Amino acid sequence: MKNFVLIGAAGYIAPRHMKAIKETGNNLLAALDPHDSVGVLDQYFPEAHFFTEFERFDRHCEKLRRSGTPIDYVTVCSPNYLHDAHIRFGLRIGADVICEKPVVLNPWNLEALMEMEKETGRKVYVVHQLRYHPEIIKLREKILNGPADKIYDVDLTYITPRGKWYHYSWKGDEQKSGGLLSNIGIHIFDILTWIFGNVKNFVSDGNNKSHISGFLKLEKANVKWALGIGRIENRKSETTPLAASRLLLVNGETIDFTKGTNELHTSVYDDVIKSNKGLFLEDAVTTISLVYNLRKQTAE
């Protein structure tokens, strides 16, 4: 059994990490969040200590370490712009770190963290859970086993609806989240480059708070992409429940990976803890660089 502490317990994604820690047979010792709406802890780790101030959380972690209770992993689910600081905290206390996407907002943040990995001897694992989706794995195997010189025509639509709260939270602040491209787009750009290879060219058609689209030329694909957080256009009314739509069209064949995403964090934790594998900072370089350049392009 491994011991975890969690930074960012009150957010949207934190419960999936709590669930993954629980389902992989591990323990959460403590959690931190400036907001105290963390009753979800009772479902998974009611005995976990909880802090709203980083300084007290830091003191508790140091007390655990000095008393001989190891902290094996720090899970980071804080706002995107704080990820690198919280990762550094985890490395400094001698833990490995599992960090939600995007692991950082800028390429130079990755470089600094890689240097700190070398200094501490610890590792940072990045969460790109869609790489564990059965439909995505199946598609990648098909492309890898197909003709080496074939170029695919790809159309990707990724809609993850969010309510009006989204724009009022840190996620709606581009300085904190990186905007849609970093906060939502990181998923699609990761799987596209993982499946179809490195980026040769990219175009974004503008910057909208709720929707954005563009074109990617990859080693093995020409990709039209669109992502958004708004209500799907064919919904009958605003009283209809929000629903996601995640579709890949590859040379006319539809791959629907809308379903089956809620359990993928457990697969990530299985890979890291049980199989001693996982995805590392090096695996995030291509996507972080692409998203950074797309953000620059839309800002011009």
C-alpha atoms as a PDB file:
ATOM      1  CA  MET A   1       0.000   0.000   0.000  1.00  0.00           C
ATOM      2  CA  LYS A   2       1.315   3.415  -1.002  1.00  0.00           C
ATOM      3  CA  ASN A   3       0.678   6.652   0.860  1.00  0.00           C
ATOM      4  CA  PHE A   4      -0.644   9.716  -0.969  1.00  0.00           C
ATOM      5  CA  VAL A   5      -1.319  13.349  -0.223  1.00  0.00           C
ATOM      6  CA  LEU A   6      -3.541  15.422  -2.516  1.00  0.00           C
ATOM      7  CA  ILE A   7      -3.251  19.083  -3.491  1.00  0.00           C
ATOM      8  CA  GLY A   8      -6.512  20.431  -4.890  1.00  0.00           C
ATOM      9  CA  ALA A   9      -9.304  18.404  -3.286  1.00  0.00           C
ATOM     10  CA  ALA A  10     -12.350  20.568  -4.023  1.00  0.00           C
ATOM     11  CA  GLY A  11     -12.071  20.735  -7.806  1.00  0.00           C
ATOM     12  CA  TYR A  12     -13.955  19.035 -10.628  1.00  0.00           C
ATOM     13  CA  ILE A  13     -11.396  16.298 -11.261  1.00  0.00           C
ATOM     14  CA  ALA A  14     -10.190  15.508  -7.731  1.00  0.00           C
ATOM     15  CA  PRO A  15     -12.856  12.851  -6.998  1.00  0.00           C
ATOM     16  CA  ARG A  16     -11.587  10.742  -9.900  1.00  0.00           C
ATOM     17  CA  HIS A  17      -8.146  10.755  -8.322  1.00  0.00           C
ATOM     18  CA  MET A  18      -9.568   9.875  -4.897  1.00  0.00           C
ATOM     19  CA  LYS A  19     -11.451   7.007  -6.505  1.00  0.00           C
ATOM     20  CA  ALA A  20      -8.335   5.825  -8.337  1.00  0.00           C
ATOM     21  CA  ILE A  21      -6.233   5.898  -5.159  1.00  0.00           C
ATOM     22  CA  LYS A  22      -8.915   3.879  -3.375  1.00  0.00           C
ATOM     23  CA  GLU A  23      -9.505   1.370  -6.178  1.00  0.00           C
ATOM     24  CA  THR A  24      -5.794   0.644  -6.526  1.00  0.00           C
ATOM     25  CA  GLY A  25      -5.615  -0.272  -2.843  1.00  0.00           C
ATOM     26  CA  ASN A  26      -3.728   2.760  -1.591  1.00  0.00           C
ATOM     27  CA  ASN A  27      -4.209   5.347   1.152  1.00  0.00           C
ATOM     28  CA  LEU A  28      -4.745   9.112   1.224  1.00  0.00           C
ATOM     29  CA  LEU A  29      -3.114  10.621   4.295  1.00  0.00           C
ATOM     30  CA  ALA A  30      -3.925  14.298   3.784  1.00  0.00           C
ATOM     31  CA  ALA A  31      -5.520  16.759   1.376  1.00  0.00           C
ATOM     32  CA  LEU A  32      -5.198  20.483   0.753  1.00  0.00           C
ATOM     33  CA  ASP A  33      -7.568  23.016  -0.771  1.00  0.00           C
ATOM     34  CA  PRO A  34      -8.312  26.673   0.048  1.00  0.00           C
ATOM     35  CA  HIS A  35     -12.000  25.803  -0.315  1.00  0.00           C
ATOM     36  CA  ASP A  36     -13.600  23.512   2.244  1.00  0.00           C
ATOM     37  CA  SER A  37     -16.288  21.941   0.038  1.00  0.00           C
ATOM     38  CA  VAL A  38     -14.616  18.555   0.218  1.00  0.00           C
ATOM     39  CA  GLY A  39     -17.316  16.288   1.600  1.00  0.00           C
ATOM     40  CA  VAL A  40     -16.499  13.894  -1.226  1.00  0.00           C
ATOM     41  CA  LEU A  41     -13.563  12.765   0.920  1.00  0.00           C
ATOM     42  CA  ASP A  42     -16.059  10.883   3.091  1.00  0.00           C
ATOM     43  CA  GLN A  43     -16.801   8.534   0.190  1.00  0.00           C
ATOM     44  CA  TYR A  44     -13.188   7.472  -0.096  1.00  0.00           C
ATOM     45  CA  PHE A  45     -10.931   8.561   2.783  1.00  0.00           C
ATOM     46  CA  PRO A  46     -12.886   9.924   5.759  1.00  0.00           C
ATOM     47  CA  GLU A  47      -9.800   9.605   7.977  1.00  0.00           C
ATOM     48  CA  ALA A  48      -7.638  11.811   5.761  1.00  0.00           C
ATOM     49  CA  HIS A  49      -6.425  15.033   7.344  1.00  0.00           C
ATOM     50  CA  PHE A  50      -7.626  18.160   5.571  1.00  0.00           C
ATOM     51  CA  PHE A  51      -6.064  21.631   5.375  1.00  0.00           C
ATOM     52  CA  THR A  52      -7.127  24.913   3.813  1.00  0.00           C
ATOM     53  CA  GLU A  53      -3.726  26.547   4.317  1.00  0.00           C
ATOM     54  CA  PHE A  54      -0.622  25.384   2.489  1.00  0.00           C
ATOM     55  CA  GLU A  55       1.655  26.185   5.432  1.00  0.00           C
ATOM     56  CA  ARG A  56      -0.223  23.828   7.773  1.00  0.00           C
ATOM     57  CA  PHE A  57      -0.357  21.163   5.084  1.00  0.00           C
ATOM     58  CA  ASP A  58       3.404  21.529   4.577  1.00  0.00           C
ATOM     59  CA  ARG A  59       3.987  21.254   8.330  1.00  0.00           C
ATOM     60  CA  HIS A  60       1.855  18.086   8.491  1.00  0.00           C
ATOM     61  CA  CYS A  61       3.716  16.468   5.596  1.00  0.00           C
ATOM     62  CA  GLU A  62       7.036  17.256   7.243  1.00  0.00           C
ATOM     63  CA  LYS A  63       5.787  15.783  10.515  1.00  0.00           C
ATOM     64  CA  LEU A  64       4.777  12.586   8.733  1.00  0.00           C
ATOM     65  CA  ARG A  65       8.148  12.345   7.029  1.00  0.00           C
ATOM     66  CA  ARG A  66      10.129  12.851  10.242  1.00  0.00           C
ATOM     67  CA  SER A  67       7.966  10.379  12.154  1.00  0.00           C
ATOM     68  CA  GLY A  68       8.775   7.636   9.658  1.00  0.00           C
ATOM     69  CA  THR A  69       5.491   7.664   7.728  1.00  0.00           C
ATOM     70  CA  PRO A  70       6.478   7.852   4.070  1.00  0.00           C
ATOM     71  CA  ILE A  71       4.646   9.983   1.540  1.00  0.00           C
ATOM     72  CA  ASP A  72       5.116   7.976  -1.630  1.00  0.00           C
ATOM     73  CA  TYR A  73       3.111  10.178  -4.000  1.00  0.00           C
ATOM     74  CA  VAL A  74       1.808  13.721  -4.155  1.00  0.00           C
ATOM     75  CA  THR A  75      -1.226  14.039  -6.438  1.00  0.00           C
ATOM     76  CA  VAL A  76      -1.623  17.513  -7.942  1.00  0.00           C
ATOM     77  CA  CYS A  77      -5.126  18.644  -8.965  1.00  0.00           C
ATOM     78  CA  SER A  78      -4.715  22.360  -8.341  1.00  0.00           C
ATOM     79  CA  PRO A  79      -5.347  25.109 -10.941  1.00  0.00           C
ATOM     80  CA  ASN A  80      -3.093  24.731 -13.982  1.00  0.00           C
ATOM     81  CA  TYR A  81      -0.884  27.745 -13.304  1.00  0.00           C
ATOM     82  CA  LEU A  82       0.078  26.335  -9.887  1.00  0.00           C
ATOM     83  CA  HIS A  83       1.015  22.844 -11.089  1.00  0.00           C
ATOM     84  CA  ASP A  84       4.747  23.396 -11.408  1.00  0.00           C
ATOM     85  CA  ALA A  85       4.995  24.944  -7.923  1.00  0.00           C
ATOM     86  CA  HIS A  86       3.080  22.074  -6.362  1.00  0.00           C
ATOM     87  CA  ILE A  87       5.116  19.515  -8.298  1.00  0.00           C
ATOM     88  CA  ARG A  88       8.286  21.086  -6.917  1.00  0.00           C
ATOM     89  CA  PHE A  89       6.853  20.734  -3.407  1.00  0.00           C
ATOM     90  CA  GLY A  90       6.287  17.025  -3.994  1.00  0.00           C
ATOM     91  CA  LEU A  91       9.786  16.471  -5.325  1.00  0.00           C
ATOM     92  CA  ARG A  92      11.317  18.402  -2.427  1.00  0.00           C
ATOM     93  CA  ILE A  93       9.664  16.197   0.191  1.00  0.00           C
ATOM     94  CA  GLY A  94      11.038  13.089  -1.521  1.00  0.00           C
ATOM     95  CA  ALA A  95       7.832  11.912  -3.216  1.00  0.00           C
ATOM     96  CA  ASP A  96       6.964  11.039  -6.776  1.00  0.00           C
ATOM     97  CA  VAL A  97       4.223  13.216  -8.253  1.00  0.00           C
ATOM     98  CA  ILE A  98       1.104  12.425 -10.285  1.00  0.00           C
ATOM     99  CA  CYS A  99      -0.158  15.598 -11.948  1.00  0.00           C
ATOM    100  CA  GLU A 100      -3.380  16.357 -13.764  1.00  0.00           C
ATOM    101  CA  LYS A 101      -3.273  17.796 -17.262  1.00  0.00           C
ATOM    102  CA  PRO A 102      -1.879  20.086 -18.445  1.00  0.00           C
ATOM    103  CA  VAL A 103       1.157  19.325 -16.347  1.00  0.00           C
ATOM    104  CA  VAL A 104       2.415  22.879 -17.032  1.00  0.00           C
ATOM    105  CA  LEU A 105       1.402  25.755 -19.301  1.00  0.00           C
ATOM    106  CA  ASN A 106       4.750  26.578 -20.910  1.00  0.00           C
ATOM    107  CA  PRO A 107       7.614  24.512 -22.382  1.00  0.00           C
ATOM    108  CA  TRP A 108      10.260  26.151 -20.155  1.00  0.00           C
ATOM    109  CA  ASN A 109       8.334  25.000 -17.063  1.00  0.00           C
ATOM    110  CA  LEU A 110       8.839  21.416 -18.250  1.00  0.00           C
ATOM    111  CA  GLU A 111      12.567  21.943 -18.660  1.00  0.00           C
ATOM    112  CA  ALA A 112      12.889  23.266 -15.109  1.00  0.00           C
ATOM    113  CA  LEU A 113      10.975  20.310 -13.677  1.00  0.00           C
ATOM    114  CA  MET A 114      13.125  17.823 -15.604  1.00  0.00           C
ATOM    115  CA  GLU A 115      16.195  19.381 -14.003  1.00  0.00           C
ATOM    116  CA  MET A 116      14.617  19.026 -10.569  1.00  0.00           C
ATOM    117  CA  GLU A 117      13.798  15.365 -11.256  1.00  0.00           C
ATOM    118  CA  LYS A 118      17.515  14.790 -11.798  1.00  0.00           C
ATOM    119  CA  GLU A 119      18.410  16.664  -8.618  1.00  0.00           C
ATOM    120  CA  THR A 120      15.929  14.793  -6.413  1.00  0.00           C
ATOM    121  CA  GLY A 121      15.919  11.379  -8.053  1.00  0.00           C
ATOM    122  CA  ARG A 122      12.109  11.414  -8.056  1.00  0.00           C
ATOM    123  CA  LYS A 123       9.694  11.239 -11.015  1.00  0.00           C
ATOM    124  CA  VAL A 124       6.725  13.240 -12.258  1.00  0.00           C
ATOM    125  CA  TYR A 125       3.902  11.296 -13.908  1.00  0.00           C
ATOM    126  CA  VAL A 126       1.537  13.135 -16.249  1.00  0.00           C
ATOM    127  CA  VAL A 127      -2.145  12.271 -16.598  1.00  0.00           C
ATOM    128  CA  HIS A 128      -3.203  11.863 -20.221  1.00  0.00           C
ATOM    129  CA  GLN A 129      -5.971   9.397 -19.484  1.00  0.00           C
ATOM    130  CA  LEU A 130      -7.398   9.192 -23.020  1.00  0.00           C
ATOM    131  CA  ARG A 131      -4.355   7.140 -24.011  1.00  0.00           C
ATOM    132  CA  TYR A 132      -5.942   4.389 -21.903  1.00  0.00           C
ATOM    133  CA  HIS A 133      -9.306   4.477 -23.686  1.00  0.00           C
ATOM    134  CA  PRO A 134      -9.902   1.148 -25.516  1.00  0.00           C
ATOM    135  CA  GLU A 135     -11.116   2.860 -28.708  1.00  0.00           C
ATOM    136  CA  ILE A 136      -8.083   5.138 -28.818  1.00  0.00           C
ATOM    137  CA  ILE A 137      -5.698   2.230 -28.210  1.00  0.00           C
ATOM    138  CA  LYS A 138      -7.411   0.219 -30.946  1.00  0.00           C
ATOM    139  CA  LEU A 139      -7.114   3.094 -33.420  1.00  0.00           C
ATOM    140  CA  ARG A 140      -3.429   3.640 -32.649  1.00  0.00           C
ATOM    141  CA  GLU A 141      -2.655  -0.050 -33.181  1.00  0.00           C
ATOM    142  CA  LYS A 142      -4.498   0.052 -36.500  1.00  0.00           C
ATOM    143  CA  ILE A 143      -2.480   3.069 -37.678  1.00  0.00           C
ATOM    144  CA  LEU A 144       0.823   1.567 -36.491  1.00  0.00           C
ATOM    145  CA  ASN A 145       0.074  -1.689 -38.320  1.00  0.00           C
ATOM    146  CA  GLY A 146      -1.130   0.065 -41.472  1.00  0.00           C
ATOM    147  CA  PRO A 147       0.893   1.265 -44.478  1.00  0.00           C
ATOM    148  CA  ALA A 148       3.876   3.302 -43.311  1.00  0.00           C
ATOM    149  CA  ASP A 149       3.420   5.992 -45.965  1.00  0.00           C
ATOM    150  CA  LYS A 150      -0.348   6.414 -45.661  1.00  0.00           C
ATOM    151  CA  ILE A 151      -1.699   9.888 -44.820  1.00  0.00           C
ATOM    152  CA  TYR A 152      -5.101   9.910 -43.095  1.00  0.00           C
ATOM    153  CA  ASP A 153      -7.850  12.506 -43.261  1.00  0.00           C
ATOM    154  CA  VAL A 154      -9.060  13.115 -39.719  1.00  0.00           C
ATOM    155  CA  ASP A 155     -11.916  15.176 -38.320  1.00  0.00           C
ATOM    156  CA  LEU A 156     -12.059  15.444 -34.529  1.00  0.00           C
ATOM    157  CA  THR A 157     -14.858  16.995 -32.481  1.00  0.00           C
ATOM    158  CA  TYR A 158     -14.423  17.204 -28.721  1.00  0.00           C
ATOM    159  CA  ILE A 159     -17.266  18.820 -26.805  1.00  0.00           C
ATOM    160  CA  THR A 160     -17.191  18.674 -23.018  1.00  0.00           C
ATOM    161  CA  PRO A 161     -20.114  20.863 -21.916  1.00  0.00           C
ATOM    162  CA  ARG A 162     -19.768  22.974 -18.809  1.00  0.00           C
ATOM    163  CA  GLY A 163     -22.279  25.274 -17.154  1.00  0.00           C
ATOM    164  CA  LYS A 164     -21.991  29.031 -16.814  1.00  0.00           C
ATOM    165  CA  TRP A 165     -19.897  28.555 -13.665  1.00  0.00           C
ATOM    166  CA  TYR A 166     -16.922  27.622 -15.868  1.00  0.00           C
ATOM    167  CA  HIS A 167     -16.281  31.180 -17.058  1.00  0.00           C
ATOM    168  CA  TYR A 168     -16.450  32.535 -13.498  1.00  0.00           C
ATOM    169  CA  SER A 169     -13.949  30.032 -12.131  1.00  0.00           C
ATOM    170  CA  TRP A 170     -10.178  29.984 -12.589  1.00  0.00           C
ATOM    171  CA  LYS A 171     -10.771  27.836 -15.672  1.00  0.00           C
ATOM    172  CA  GLY A 172     -12.258  30.841 -17.438  1.00  0.00           C
ATOM    173  CA  ASP A 173      -9.176  32.950 -16.684  1.00  0.00           C
ATOM    174  CA  GLU A 174      -6.698  32.343 -19.489  1.00  0.00           C
ATOM    175  CA  GLN A 175      -3.756  33.450 -17.345  1.00  0.00           C
ATOM    176  CA  LYS A 176      -4.561  30.694 -14.849  1.00  0.00           C
ATOM    177  CA  SER A 177      -5.857  27.895 -17.061  1.00  0.00           C
ATOM    178  CA  GLY A 178      -4.292  28.596 -20.455  1.00  0.00           C
ATOM    179  CA  GLY A 179      -7.801  28.894 -21.886  1.00  0.00           C
ATOM    180  CA  LEU A 180      -9.637  26.214 -23.827  1.00  0.00           C
ATOM    181  CA  LEU A 181      -6.524  25.182 -25.721  1.00  0.00           C
ATOM    182  CA  SER A 182      -4.693  24.156 -22.552  1.00  0.00           C
ATOM    183  CA  ASN A 183      -7.539  23.157 -20.287  1.00  0.00           C
ATOM    184  CA  ILE A 184      -9.632  21.151 -22.782  1.00  0.00           C
ATOM    185  CA  GLY A 185      -7.577  20.931 -25.967  1.00  0.00           C
ATOM    186  CA  ILE A 186      -4.662  19.235 -24.229  1.00  0.00           C
ATOM    187  CA  HIS A 187      -6.645  15.972 -24.420  1.00  0.00           C
ATOM    188  CA  ILE A 188      -7.214  15.996 -28.166  1.00  0.00           C
ATOM    189  CA  PHE A 189      -3.745  17.200 -29.112  1.00  0.00           C
ATOM    190  CA  ASP A 190      -2.149  14.520 -26.948  1.00  0.00           C
ATOM    191  CA  ILE A 191      -4.023  11.636 -28.548  1.00  0.00           C
ATOM    192  CA  LEU A 192      -3.666  13.057 -32.071  1.00  0.00           C
ATOM    193  CA  THR A 193       0.121  13.356 -31.830  1.00  0.00           C
ATOM    194  CA  TRP A 194       0.342   9.997 -30.016  1.00  0.00           C
ATOM    195  CA  ILE A 195      -1.536   8.277 -32.838  1.00  0.00           C
ATOM    196  CA  PHE A 196      -0.451  10.191 -35.944  1.00  0.00           C
ATOM    197  CA  GLY A 197       3.022  11.494 -35.118  1.00  0.00           C
ATOM    198  CA  ASN A 198       4.817  14.791 -34.780  1.00  0.00           C
ATOM    199  CA  VAL A 199       3.501  18.207 -35.765  1.00  0.00           C
ATOM    200  CA  LYS A 200       4.482  19.658 -39.142  1.00  0.00           C
ATOM    201  CA  ASN A 201       2.116  22.621 -39.262  1.00  0.00           C
ATOM    202  CA  PHE A 202      -0.780  24.070 -37.285  1.00  0.00           C
ATOM    203  CA  VAL A 203      -3.477  26.716 -37.669  1.00  0.00           C
ATOM    204  CA  SER A 204      -6.113  27.967 -35.258  1.00  0.00           C
ATOM    205  CA  ASP A 205      -9.064  29.972 -36.544  1.00  0.00           C
ATOM    206  CA  GLY A 206      -9.339  32.337 -33.613  1.00  0.00           C
ATOM    207  CA  ASN A 207      -9.910  32.420 -29.889  1.00  0.00           C
ATOM    208  CA  ASN A 208     -13.416  32.044 -28.478  1.00  0.00           C
ATOM    209  CA  LYS A 209     -14.101  31.454 -24.788  1.00  0.00           C
ATOM    210  CA  SER A 210     -16.428  28.543 -25.529  1.00  0.00           C
ATOM    211  CA  HIS A 211     -15.380  27.095 -28.892  1.00  0.00           C
ATOM    212  CA  ILE A 212     -12.223  26.955 -30.977  1.00  0.00           C
ATOM    213  CA  SER A 213     -11.156  25.010 -34.058  1.00  0.00           C
ATOM    214  CA  GLY A 214      -8.281  24.676 -36.480  1.00  0.00           C
ATOM    215  CA  PHE A 215      -6.061  22.464 -38.619  1.00  0.00           C
ATOM    216  CA  LEU A 216      -3.092  20.225 -37.828  1.00  0.00           C
ATOM    217  CA  LYS A 217      -0.696  18.639 -40.267  1.00  0.00           C
ATOM    218  CA  LEU A 218       0.906  15.638 -38.618  1.00  0.00           C
ATOM    219  CA  GLU A 219       3.341  13.031 -39.916  1.00  0.00           C
ATOM    220  CA  LYS A 220       0.516  10.658 -40.816  1.00  0.00           C
ATOM    221  CA  ALA A 221      -2.622  12.807 -40.876  1.00  0.00           C
ATOM    222  CA  ASN A 222      -4.289  16.005 -41.972  1.00  0.00           C
ATOM    223  CA  VAL A 223      -6.554  16.926 -39.079  1.00  0.00           C
ATOM    224  CA  LYS A 224      -9.495  19.289 -38.782  1.00  0.00           C
ATOM    225  CA  TRP A 225     -10.241  19.761 -35.104  1.00  0.00           C
ATOM    226  CA  ALA A 226     -12.897  21.508 -33.046  1.00  0.00           C
ATOM    227  CA  LEU A 227     -13.318  21.692 -29.300  1.00  0.00           C
ATOM    228  CA  GLY A 228     -15.716  23.411 -26.991  1.00  0.00           C
ATOM    229  CA  ILE A 229     -17.465  23.580 -23.657  1.00  0.00           C
ATOM    230  CA  GLY A 230     -20.825  24.918 -24.861  1.00  0.00           C
ATOM    231  CA  ARG A 231     -24.110  23.123 -25.214  1.00  0.00           C
ATOM    232  CA  ILE A 232     -24.211  20.769 -28.195  1.00  0.00           C
ATOM    233  CA  GLU A 233     -26.094  22.506 -31.002  1.00  0.00           C
ATOM    234  CA  ASN A 234     -28.691  19.792 -31.538  1.00  0.00           C
ATOM    235  CA  ARG A 235     -29.894  19.908 -27.928  1.00  0.00           C
ATOM    236  CA  LYS A 236     -33.605  20.681 -27.902  1.00  0.00           C
ATOM    237  CA  SER A 237     -33.574  23.233 -25.106  1.00  0.00           C
ATOM    238  CA  GLU A 238     -31.471  24.691 -22.357  1.00  0.00           C
ATOM    239  CA  THR A 239     -33.301  22.480 -19.869  1.00  0.00           C
ATOM    240  CA  THR A 240     -31.917  19.355 -21.541  1.00  0.00           C
ATOM    241  CA  PRO A 241     -29.080  17.830 -19.480  1.00  0.00           C
ATOM    242  CA  LEU A 242     -25.580  18.594 -20.680  1.00  0.00           C
ATOM    243  CA  ALA A 243     -23.881  15.799 -22.590  1.00  0.00           C
ATOM    244  CA  ALA A 244     -20.415  15.260 -24.000  1.00  0.00           C
ATOM    245  CA  SER A 245     -19.510  14.396 -27.579  1.00  0.00           C
ATOM    246  CA  ARG A 246     -16.083  13.021 -28.429  1.00  0.00           C
ATOM    247  CA  LEU A 247     -15.813  11.818 -32.015  1.00  0.00           C
ATOM    248  CA  LEU A 248     -12.966  10.991 -34.382  1.00  0.00           C
ATOM    249  CA  LEU A 249     -13.637  10.562 -38.107  1.00  0.00           C
ATOM    250  CA  VAL A 250     -10.687   8.775 -39.742  1.00  0.00           C
ATOM    251  CA  ASN A 251     -10.950   8.335 -43.499  1.00  0.00           C
ATOM    252  CA  GLY A 252     -14.727   8.225 -43.138  1.00  0.00           C
ATOM    253  CA  GLU A 253     -14.781   5.767 -40.214  1.00  0.00           C
ATOM    254  CA  THR A 254     -16.267   7.070 -36.947  1.00  0.00           C
ATOM    255  CA  ILE A 255     -14.552   6.333 -33.646  1.00  0.00           C
ATOM    256  CA  ASP A 256     -16.710   7.390 -30.702  1.00  0.00           C
ATOM    257  CA  PHE A 257     -14.809   7.696 -27.427  1.00  0.00           C
ATOM    258  CA  THR A 258     -17.526   9.610 -25.583  1.00  0.00           C
ATOM    259  CA  LYS A 259     -18.268   6.770 -23.192  1.00  0.00           C
ATOM    260  CA  GLY A 260     -15.875   4.937 -20.934  1.00  0.00           C
ATOM    261  CA  THR A 261     -13.863   7.938 -19.751  1.00  0.00           C
ATOM    262  CA  ASN A 262     -14.857   7.995 -16.079  1.00  0.00           C
ATOM    263  CA  GLU A 263     -12.751   4.969 -15.119  1.00  0.00           C
ATOM    264  CA  LEU A 264      -9.585   5.942 -16.968  1.00  0.00           C
ATOM    265  CA  HIS A 265      -7.871   7.594 -14.003  1.00  0.00           C
ATOM    266  CA  THR A 266      -7.832   4.235 -12.252  1.00  0.00           C
ATOM    267  CA  SER A 267      -6.038   2.815 -15.308  1.00  0.00           C
ATOM    268  CA  VAL A 268      -3.482   5.616 -15.017  1.00  0.00           C
ATOM    269  CA  TYR A 269      -2.834   4.797 -11.347  1.00  0.00           C
ATOM    270  CA  ASP A 270      -2.643   1.076 -12.100  1.00  0.00           C
ATOM    271  CA  ASP A 271       0.021   1.788 -14.701  1.00  0.00           C
ATOM    272  CA  VAL A 272       2.061   3.991 -12.377  1.00  0.00           C
ATOM    273  CA  ILE A 273       1.830   1.985  -9.147  1.00  0.00           C
ATOM    274  CA  LYS A 274       1.298  -1.646 -10.095  1.00  0.00           C
ATOM    275  CA  SER A 275       3.136  -1.779 -13.422  1.00  0.00           C
ATOM    276  CA  ASN A 276       5.771   0.852 -12.567  1.00  0.00           C
ATOM    277  CA  LYS A 277       5.182   2.497 -15.947  1.00  0.00           C
ATOM    278  CA  GLY A 278       3.103   5.596 -16.652  1.00  0.00           C
ATOM    279  CA  LEU A 279       3.690   8.711 -18.719  1.00  0.00           C
ATOM    280  CA  PHE A 280       6.492  11.105 -17.847  1.00  0.00           C
ATOM    281  CA  LEU A 281       7.360  14.754 -18.451  1.00  0.00           C
ATOM    282  CA  GLU A 282       9.097  13.729 -21.671  1.00  0.00           C
ATOM    283  CA  ASP A 283       5.772  12.385 -22.948  1.00  0.00           C
ATOM    284  CA  ALA A 284       4.190  15.819 -22.529  1.00  0.00           C
ATOM    285  CA  VAL A 285       6.782  17.866 -24.439  1.00  0.00           C
ATOM    286  CA  THR A 286       5.142  17.662 -27.879  1.00  0.00           C
ATOM    287  CA  THR A 287       1.673  18.577 -26.651  1.00  0.00           C
ATOM    288  CA  ILE A 288       2.744  21.354 -24.273  1.00  0.00           C
ATOM    289  CA  SER A 289       4.826  22.956 -27.051  1.00  0.00           C
ATOM    290  CA  LEU A 290       1.983  22.684 -29.568  1.00  0.00           C
ATOM    291  CA  VAL A 291      -0.607  24.173 -27.233  1.00  0.00           C
ATOM    292  CA  TYR A 292       1.751  26.979 -26.233  1.00  0.00           C
ATOM    293  CA  ASN A 293       2.334  27.853 -29.908  1.00  0.00           C
ATOM    294  CA  LEU A 294      -1.396  27.700 -30.673  1.00  0.00           C
ATOM    295  CA  ARG A 295      -2.070  30.084 -27.779  1.00  0.00           C
ATOM    296  CA  LYS A 296       0.561  32.458 -29.131  1.00  0.00           C
ATOM    297  CA  GLN A 297      -0.990  32.268 -32.585  1.00  0.00           C
ATOM    298  CA  THR A 298      -4.506  33.058 -31.366  1.00  0.00           C
ATOM    299  CA  ALA A 299      -3.193  35.973 -29.314  1.00  0.00           C
ATOM    300  CA  GLU A 300      -1.576  37.632 -32.335  1.00  0.00           C
END
